[in-house]
Amino acid sequence: MTFLILIFTQVVDAQQIQQNVEGEKIVLFPNGVWEYFDKTNPTHLEIEKEIKRKQNASPQDILDEQTSKGGDEVLEEYENLLSLKEDKLALAEEMESDVKFSKILLEEEMEDLKNDENSTDEQYDRLKRQLKLVSALEKDAKKKTKKIKKELEKLKKQGKIVAEPKNKKSRKKNSRRSKKKNNQEKELQDLEYTYKEDGTFYLASKNFTKYSMKDDVMYNPPAKDCNLVFDGLDEFMGKKRKDVSRDVLFTFTDDDMSRYMKADDYISCEGNLTQIKGGVLLLNLFITVNTTDAQRAFGGLTKGNSFTVKMINGESVNLINNQSDNGVYDPLRKQHTFTGQFRINSGQEKTLKKSEVDVVRIIWDTGYEDYEVYNLDFFVNQFKCLK
């Protein structure tokens, strides 16, 4: 009988589970012998169980299993995984950068259209739809980048376990690799000297700059513009004060509500840092809810309630609200804006400076809500502006 793999082929110790052209499950052994898959056969069930386990295991899970064995094979596997993950992150960041640039161009075009007396409603609606689409793509790109960064962070932590050679054999092998690398570098240096003897090559090569990923703006975009909206003496306290301009911390729209919100988000949260001479550091939050019944749904922000920031590296910072606020309603825009102010101590500042934001939790009067953050560098950028 001739067999054709239609759906899957999976291997466990050289044993395979396949499907034939009739759609029947079979177990194929290394010597070519096959059997119809039998649910009552313990051996068949064990093979299937092992296949599913390996199929669902992530590369990190497989590496976890192999780490205890030690040796260079595990280290090499880890380095390969790390390299692949870093490449994946670079591509995700490049995609995010491209989408951001497209959004900027559309926003500029929208602004020009508003100022053009000859523009039509049809042109405006078309551009608005394009802007809504690219905003959704930007959100997805940020989400993907964030996910890969978290996976890379986890993989780097795991690297501490496998980084050191486990035995003498490994150390000898690494020593041979190092020696080989040094010999290769010496050959390149000799080659470079030979080239320098050729004046034509040397003069031509001076016109070229060696590529550096560090200097490539696609992989390392320039720092975000920093803007202080206030830098002077506070007339009430008589102390020097700095206020960084607001930036978006997160936005949120439930899937069920997205079709009703058009181009707007159900919740959007902006924030900024305030530094007052004498060691006072504050986080100001401005949370806008696009609905007429926000007070019924959320109540408000109460003094003493917490605002928790979870970082990608797993650390958390718990900030306490300094003021109560029931929100201010804007009847024209039909939205409520709630304001909170949170004191940051020196220990919390160190944690917020060194890592990227993952999730925030807000304690409302009606309960708590967790929100995914896609502006991962919010605190990093805000603190840079205060320097």
Protein backbone atom coordinates (compact mmCIF):
# COMPACT_ATOMS: atom_id res chain seq x y z
CA MET A 1 0.00 0.00 0.00
CA THR A 2 1.34 3.48 -0.88
CA PHE A 3 1.22 6.19 1.78
CA LEU A 4 0.99 9.95 1.28
CA ILE A 5 1.46 12.35 4.19
CA LEU A 6 -1.52 14.69 3.99
CA ILE A 7 -1.57 16.48 7.28
CA PHE A 8 1.49 15.86 9.42
CA THR A 9 4.63 13.81 10.00
CA GLN A 10 6.04 13.83 13.50
CA VAL A 11 9.05 11.95 14.84
CA VAL A 12 9.66 10.51 18.28
CA ASP A 13 12.86 8.45 18.52
CA ALA A 14 12.56 7.79 14.74
CA GLN A 15 8.94 6.62 15.09
CA GLN A 16 6.38 8.50 13.03
CA ILE A 17 2.64 9.03 13.07
CA GLN A 18 1.25 9.61 9.59
CA GLN A 19 -2.00 9.64 7.67
CA ASN A 20 -2.51 7.70 4.47
CA VAL A 21 -4.56 8.76 1.46
CA GLU A 22 -7.67 7.26 3.07
CA GLY A 23 -7.22 9.56 6.05
CA GLU A 24 -6.37 6.65 8.37
CA LYS A 25 -3.81 7.12 11.14
CA ILE A 26 -0.81 4.80 11.06
CA VAL A 27 2.34 4.33 13.15
CA LEU A 28 5.49 3.95 11.05
CA PHE A 29 8.61 2.36 12.62
CA PRO A 30 12.26 2.89 11.56
CA ASN A 31 12.52 -0.56 9.92
CA GLY A 32 9.61 0.28 7.59
CA VAL A 33 7.02 -1.74 9.49
CA TRP A 34 3.72 0.03 10.03
CA GLU A 35 0.59 -0.52 12.08
CA TYR A 36 -2.84 1.07 12.10
CA PHE A 37 -3.08 3.51 15.02
CA ASP A 38 -4.93 1.83 17.89
CA LYS A 39 -6.31 3.93 20.77
CA THR A 40 -6.25 0.88 23.02
CA ASN A 41 -2.54 0.24 22.37
CA PRO A 42 -0.46 1.81 25.23
CA THR A 43 2.62 2.09 22.96
CA HIS A 44 0.69 4.03 20.31
CA LEU A 45 -0.83 6.33 22.92
CA GLU A 46 2.59 7.02 24.45
CA ILE A 47 4.03 7.92 21.03
CA GLU A 48 1.12 10.28 20.37
CA LYS A 49 1.45 11.86 23.81
CA GLU A 50 5.17 12.51 23.33
CA ILE A 51 4.55 13.98 19.87
CA LYS A 52 1.96 16.42 21.23
CA ARG A 53 4.26 17.42 24.08
CA LYS A 54 7.13 18.23 21.71
CA GLN A 55 4.78 19.93 19.25
CA ASN A 56 3.45 22.31 21.91
CA ALA A 57 6.82 22.94 23.52
CA SER A 58 8.43 26.29 22.74
CA PRO A 59 12.14 26.47 21.85
CA GLN A 60 12.76 27.79 25.37
CA ASP A 61 10.93 24.79 26.88
CA ILE A 62 13.06 22.40 24.84
CA LEU A 63 16.17 24.27 25.93
CA ASP A 64 15.02 24.03 29.57
CA GLU A 65 14.85 20.26 29.18
CA GLN A 66 18.31 20.07 27.64
CA THR A 67 20.08 22.53 29.94
CA SER A 68 20.56 20.00 32.74
CA LYS A 69 22.57 17.79 30.35
CA GLY A 70 25.25 20.50 29.97
CA GLY A 71 27.92 20.55 27.26
CA ASP A 72 28.61 22.65 24.20
CA GLU A 73 25.57 21.41 22.27
CA VAL A 74 23.23 23.17 24.68
CA LEU A 75 25.30 26.35 24.60
CA GLU A 76 25.32 26.31 20.81
CA GLU A 77 21.55 25.71 20.73
CA TYR A 78 21.06 28.63 23.11
CA GLU A 79 23.21 30.96 21.00
CA ASN A 80 21.28 29.99 17.88
CA LEU A 81 17.95 30.68 19.61
CA LEU A 82 19.23 34.01 20.91
CA SER A 83 20.45 35.06 17.47
CA LEU A 84 17.15 34.11 15.82
CA LYS A 85 15.14 35.96 18.48
CA GLU A 86 17.30 39.10 18.09
CA ASP A 87 16.84 38.99 14.31
CA LYS A 88 13.08 38.59 14.81
CA LEU A 89 13.04 41.60 17.13
CA ALA A 90 15.00 43.69 14.63
CA LEU A 91 12.46 42.88 11.90
CA ALA A 92 9.53 43.66 14.22
CA GLU A 93 11.07 47.02 15.18
CA GLU A 94 11.69 47.79 11.51
CA MET A 95 8.05 47.05 10.72
CA GLU A 96 6.91 49.26 13.62
CA SER A 97 9.16 52.07 12.40
CA ASP A 98 7.74 51.82 8.86
CA VAL A 99 4.14 51.91 10.12
CA LYS A 100 4.90 54.93 12.33
CA PHE A 101 6.38 56.77 9.35
CA SER A 102 3.32 55.97 7.22
CA LYS A 103 1.06 57.28 9.98
CA ILE A 104 3.03 60.55 10.20
CA LEU A 105 2.69 61.07 6.45
CA LEU A 106 -1.07 60.44 6.58
CA GLU A 107 -1.49 62.84 9.52
CA GLU A 108 0.38 65.53 7.61
CA GLU A 109 -1.78 64.89 4.56
CA MET A 110 -4.89 65.11 6.74
CA GLU A 111 -3.73 68.47 8.12
CA ASP A 112 -3.11 69.79 4.62
CA LEU A 113 -6.55 68.59 3.55
CA LYS A 114 -8.20 70.46 6.43
CA ASN A 115 -6.51 73.68 5.31
CA ASP A 116 -7.41 73.15 1.65
CA GLU A 117 -10.59 75.02 0.74
CA ASN A 118 -11.04 72.90 -2.41
CA SER A 119 -10.96 69.56 -0.56
CA THR A 120 -14.06 67.36 -0.61
CA ASP A 121 -15.80 65.25 2.03
CA GLU A 122 -15.02 62.18 -0.04
CA GLN A 123 -11.27 62.90 0.13
CA TYR A 124 -11.50 63.49 3.87
CA ASP A 125 -13.43 60.26 4.51
CA ARG A 126 -11.00 58.23 2.40
CA LEU A 127 -8.02 59.64 4.29
CA LYS A 128 -9.73 59.08 7.61
CA ARG A 129 -10.29 55.41 6.77
CA GLN A 130 -6.63 55.04 5.78
CA LEU A 131 -5.52 56.69 9.02
CA LYS A 132 -7.74 54.37 11.05
CA LEU A 133 -6.26 51.34 9.29
CA VAL A 134 -2.66 52.42 9.79
CA SER A 135 -3.40 53.19 13.47
CA ALA A 136 -4.62 49.61 13.90
CA LEU A 137 -1.50 48.33 12.13
CA GLU A 138 0.68 50.44 14.42
CA LYS A 139 -1.00 48.97 17.48
CA ASP A 140 -0.50 45.43 16.19
CA ALA A 141 3.15 46.15 15.35
CA LYS A 142 3.79 47.51 18.84
CA LYS A 143 2.10 44.48 20.36
CA LYS A 144 4.27 42.11 18.32
CA THR A 145 7.47 44.00 19.22
CA LYS A 146 6.55 43.94 22.88
CA LYS A 147 5.86 40.20 22.82
CA ILE A 148 9.22 39.44 21.20
CA LYS A 149 11.03 41.70 23.69
CA LYS A 150 9.48 39.75 26.56
CA GLU A 151 10.54 36.45 24.99
CA LEU A 152 14.06 37.80 24.46
CA GLU A 153 14.23 38.98 28.08
CA LYS A 154 13.26 35.50 29.26
CA LEU A 155 15.81 33.89 26.95
CA LYS A 156 18.60 36.18 28.21
CA LYS A 157 17.80 35.22 31.81
CA GLN A 158 18.03 31.60 30.80
CA GLY A 159 21.41 32.30 29.22
CA LYS A 160 22.95 32.73 32.67
CA ILE A 161 22.41 29.01 33.21
CA VAL A 162 24.00 27.79 29.98
CA ALA A 163 26.64 30.48 29.39
CA GLU A 164 29.45 28.85 31.40
CA PRO A 165 31.09 25.64 30.09
CA LYS A 166 30.01 22.65 32.14
CA ASN A 167 33.13 20.44 31.98
CA LYS A 168 36.78 20.21 30.93
CA LYS A 169 35.85 18.95 27.50
CA SER A 170 33.76 22.05 26.89
CA ARG A 171 36.55 24.34 28.08
CA LYS A 172 39.08 22.63 25.81
CA LYS A 173 36.72 22.92 22.86
CA ASN A 174 36.12 26.62 23.59
CA SER A 175 39.88 27.10 23.88
CA ARG A 176 40.33 25.58 20.42
CA ARG A 177 37.61 27.85 19.06
CA SER A 178 39.28 30.89 20.61
CA LYS A 179 42.66 29.91 19.14
CA LYS A 180 41.09 29.41 15.71
CA LYS A 181 39.37 32.80 15.95
CA ASN A 182 42.64 34.51 16.89
CA ASN A 183 44.37 32.90 13.90
CA GLN A 184 41.57 34.09 11.61
CA GLU A 185 41.87 37.64 12.98
CA LYS A 186 45.63 37.56 12.43
CA GLU A 187 45.11 36.45 8.82
CA LEU A 188 42.69 39.34 8.29
CA GLN A 189 45.19 41.78 9.77
CA ASP A 190 47.90 40.48 7.44
CA LEU A 191 45.45 40.76 4.56
CA GLU A 192 44.68 44.35 5.51
CA TYR A 193 48.40 45.17 5.54
CA THR A 194 48.78 43.67 2.06
CA TYR A 195 45.91 45.86 0.83
CA LYS A 196 47.53 48.93 2.32
CA GLU A 197 50.60 48.26 0.21
CA ASP A 198 48.36 48.80 -2.82
CA GLY A 199 47.82 52.55 -2.75
CA THR A 200 44.90 52.40 -5.21
CA PHE A 201 42.91 50.08 -2.97
CA TYR A 202 43.72 52.04 0.15
CA LEU A 203 42.63 55.35 -1.35
CA ALA A 204 39.41 53.83 -2.67
CA SER A 205 38.58 52.13 0.61
CA LYS A 206 38.84 55.43 2.47
CA ASN A 207 35.65 56.55 0.72
CA PHE A 208 33.59 53.80 2.36
CA THR A 209 32.36 53.50 5.92
CA LYS A 210 31.95 50.09 7.52
CA TYR A 211 28.31 49.19 8.15
CA SER A 212 27.25 49.31 11.78
CA MET A 213 23.89 48.04 12.97
CA LYS A 214 24.24 50.35 15.98
CA ASP A 215 24.18 53.38 13.66
CA ASP A 216 21.35 52.05 11.50
CA VAL A 217 18.25 54.12 12.36
CA MET A 218 15.98 51.29 11.20
CA TYR A 219 17.25 49.09 14.03
CA ASN A 220 18.08 51.89 16.48
CA PRO A 221 15.70 54.80 15.81
CA PRO A 222 16.77 58.21 17.11
CA ALA A 223 15.69 59.23 20.59
CA LYS A 224 12.26 60.76 20.91
CA ASP A 225 12.16 64.55 20.96
CA CYS A 226 12.24 65.88 24.49
CA ASN A 227 10.09 68.83 25.46
CA LEU A 228 9.63 70.54 28.84
CA VAL A 229 6.33 72.41 29.07
CA PHE A 230 7.52 74.17 32.23
CA ASP A 231 11.00 74.82 33.58
CA GLY A 232 11.08 77.57 36.16
CA LEU A 233 10.03 78.71 39.60
CA ASP A 234 6.70 77.45 40.96
CA GLU A 235 4.92 80.60 42.17
CA PHE A 236 2.97 78.74 44.89
CA MET A 237 5.82 76.69 46.38
CA GLY A 238 8.68 79.04 45.57
CA LYS A 239 10.73 76.09 44.29
CA LYS A 240 12.18 75.19 40.91
CA ARG A 241 9.90 72.84 38.94
CA LYS A 242 10.16 70.90 35.70
CA ASP A 243 7.19 69.45 33.81
CA VAL A 244 7.80 67.09 30.89
CA SER A 245 5.28 67.28 28.05
CA ARG A 246 2.51 64.68 28.03
CA ASP A 247 2.91 61.40 26.17
CA VAL A 248 0.50 58.53 25.55
CA LEU A 249 0.99 55.72 28.08
CA PHE A 250 -1.71 53.37 26.80
CA THR A 251 -4.95 53.14 24.85
CA PHE A 252 -7.68 50.53 25.18
CA THR A 253 -10.74 49.53 23.17
CA ASP A 254 -12.61 46.33 23.83
CA ASP A 255 -13.14 44.16 20.74
CA ASP A 256 -16.91 44.34 21.13
CA MET A 257 -16.79 48.15 21.18
CA SER A 258 -14.29 48.72 18.37
CA ARG A 259 -16.98 48.90 15.66
CA TYR A 260 -18.77 51.70 17.55
CA MET A 261 -15.68 53.79 18.38
CA LYS A 262 -14.75 54.65 14.75
CA ALA A 263 -11.25 56.17 14.84
CA ASP A 264 -11.24 56.85 18.60
CA ASP A 265 -10.23 54.62 21.50
CA TYR A 266 -12.60 53.84 24.34
CA ILE A 267 -9.92 54.74 26.90
CA SER A 268 -6.75 56.72 26.33
CA CYS A 269 -4.24 57.59 29.02
CA GLU A 270 -1.61 60.30 28.80
CA GLY A 271 1.00 61.01 31.44
CA ASN A 272 3.98 63.11 32.32
CA LEU A 273 6.56 63.55 35.08
CA THR A 274 6.95 66.56 37.34
CA GLN A 275 10.15 67.19 39.28
CA ILE A 276 10.25 69.68 42.14
CA LYS A 277 13.49 70.79 43.80
CA GLY A 278 13.95 69.03 47.09
CA GLY A 279 13.54 65.45 45.88
CA VAL A 280 9.85 65.47 44.90
CA LEU A 281 9.02 63.41 41.80
CA LEU A 282 5.43 62.99 40.57
CA LEU A 283 3.65 61.02 37.87
CA ASN A 284 0.57 62.78 36.48
CA LEU A 285 -2.04 60.70 34.66
CA PHE A 286 -4.87 62.01 32.47
CA ILE A 287 -7.30 59.20 31.64
CA THR A 288 -9.98 59.99 29.05
CA VAL A 289 -13.03 57.70 28.66
CA ASN A 290 -15.10 58.23 25.51
CA THR A 291 -18.55 57.64 26.91
CA THR A 292 -21.26 59.63 28.66
CA ASP A 293 -21.58 57.18 31.57
CA ALA A 294 -17.92 56.92 32.61
CA GLN A 295 -18.71 57.87 36.21
CA ARG A 296 -21.21 55.04 36.49
CA ALA A 297 -18.78 52.54 34.93
CA PHE A 298 -15.62 53.58 36.78
CA GLY A 299 -16.65 55.88 39.63
CA GLY A 300 -13.41 57.81 39.85
CA LEU A 301 -9.87 57.80 41.24
CA THR A 302 -9.69 57.89 45.04
CA LYS A 303 -6.80 59.20 47.13
CA GLY A 304 -4.80 56.31 48.55
CA ASN A 305 -5.66 53.87 45.75
CA SER A 306 -2.76 52.32 43.89
CA PHE A 307 -1.47 52.42 40.34
CA THR A 308 0.74 49.40 39.63
CA VAL A 309 3.32 49.32 36.85
CA LYS A 310 4.65 45.92 35.78
CA MET A 311 7.90 45.95 33.79
CA ILE A 312 8.92 43.53 31.05
CA ASN A 313 11.74 42.20 33.26
CA GLY A 314 9.13 41.04 35.81
CA GLU A 315 9.61 43.80 38.40
CA SER A 316 6.63 45.83 39.64
CA VAL A 317 6.24 49.33 41.04
CA ASN A 318 3.25 50.28 43.18
CA LEU A 319 2.43 54.01 43.21
CA ILE A 320 -0.15 55.65 45.51
CA ASN A 321 -2.62 58.30 44.34
CA ASN A 322 -2.21 61.67 46.09
CA GLN A 323 -5.62 63.08 45.16
CA SER A 324 -9.23 62.06 44.59
CA ASP A 325 -10.93 62.88 41.32
CA ASN A 326 -14.44 62.10 40.04
CA GLY A 327 -13.63 63.23 36.52
CA VAL A 328 -14.55 66.23 34.37
CA TYR A 329 -17.18 65.81 31.66
CA ASP A 330 -16.81 67.44 28.25
CA PRO A 331 -20.34 67.71 26.73
CA LEU A 332 -19.03 68.61 23.26
CA ARG A 333 -16.77 65.59 22.95
CA LYS A 334 -18.97 63.44 25.21
CA GLN A 335 -16.07 62.17 27.27
CA HIS A 336 -14.86 62.11 30.88
CA THR A 337 -11.28 62.84 31.90
CA PHE A 338 -9.95 61.57 35.23
CA THR A 339 -6.74 62.97 36.72
CA GLY A 340 -4.40 61.21 39.15
CA GLN A 341 -1.12 62.22 40.75
CA PHE A 342 1.35 59.66 42.11
CA ARG A 343 4.52 60.17 44.17
CA ILE A 344 7.66 58.28 43.00
CA ASN A 345 10.42 57.53 45.52
CA SER A 346 14.10 57.00 44.67
CA GLY A 347 13.87 53.19 44.67
CA GLN A 348 10.86 53.22 42.36
CA GLU A 349 12.62 55.72 40.09
CA LYS A 350 15.57 53.32 39.61
CA THR A 351 13.22 50.49 38.63
CA LEU A 352 11.19 52.61 36.20
CA LYS A 353 14.34 53.98 34.54
CA LYS A 354 16.01 50.70 33.72
CA SER A 355 13.30 48.63 32.03
CA GLU A 356 10.32 48.84 29.69
CA VAL A 357 6.66 48.87 30.70
CA ASP A 358 4.51 45.79 30.17
CA VAL A 359 1.14 46.22 31.92
CA VAL A 360 -0.43 48.78 34.25
CA ARG A 361 -3.21 48.23 36.77
CA ILE A 362 -5.54 51.06 37.82
CA ILE A 363 -7.68 50.84 40.94
CA TRP A 364 -10.99 52.54 40.12
CA ASP A 365 -13.76 53.10 42.64
CA THR A 366 -15.72 50.28 40.98
CA GLY A 367 -12.78 47.84 40.86
CA TYR A 368 -9.45 47.38 39.12
CA GLU A 369 -8.57 47.17 35.40
CA ASP A 370 -5.36 45.95 33.72
CA TYR A 371 -4.19 47.67 30.54
CA GLU A 372 -1.53 46.56 28.04
CA VAL A 373 1.10 49.24 27.38
CA TYR A 374 2.56 49.57 23.88
CA ASN A 375 4.61 52.71 24.54
CA LEU A 376 7.23 50.58 26.25
CA ASP A 377 9.76 53.41 26.69
CA PHE A 378 7.32 55.83 28.32
CA PHE A 379 9.22 56.18 31.62
CA VAL A 380 12.67 55.89 30.00
CA ASN A 381 11.89 58.85 27.71
CA GLN A 382 10.24 60.90 30.44
CA PHE A 383 13.21 60.54 32.80
CA LYS A 384 15.65 61.46 30.03
CA CYS A 385 13.84 64.79 29.64
CA LEU A 386 14.36 65.62 33.30
CA LYS A 387 18.16 65.33 33.06
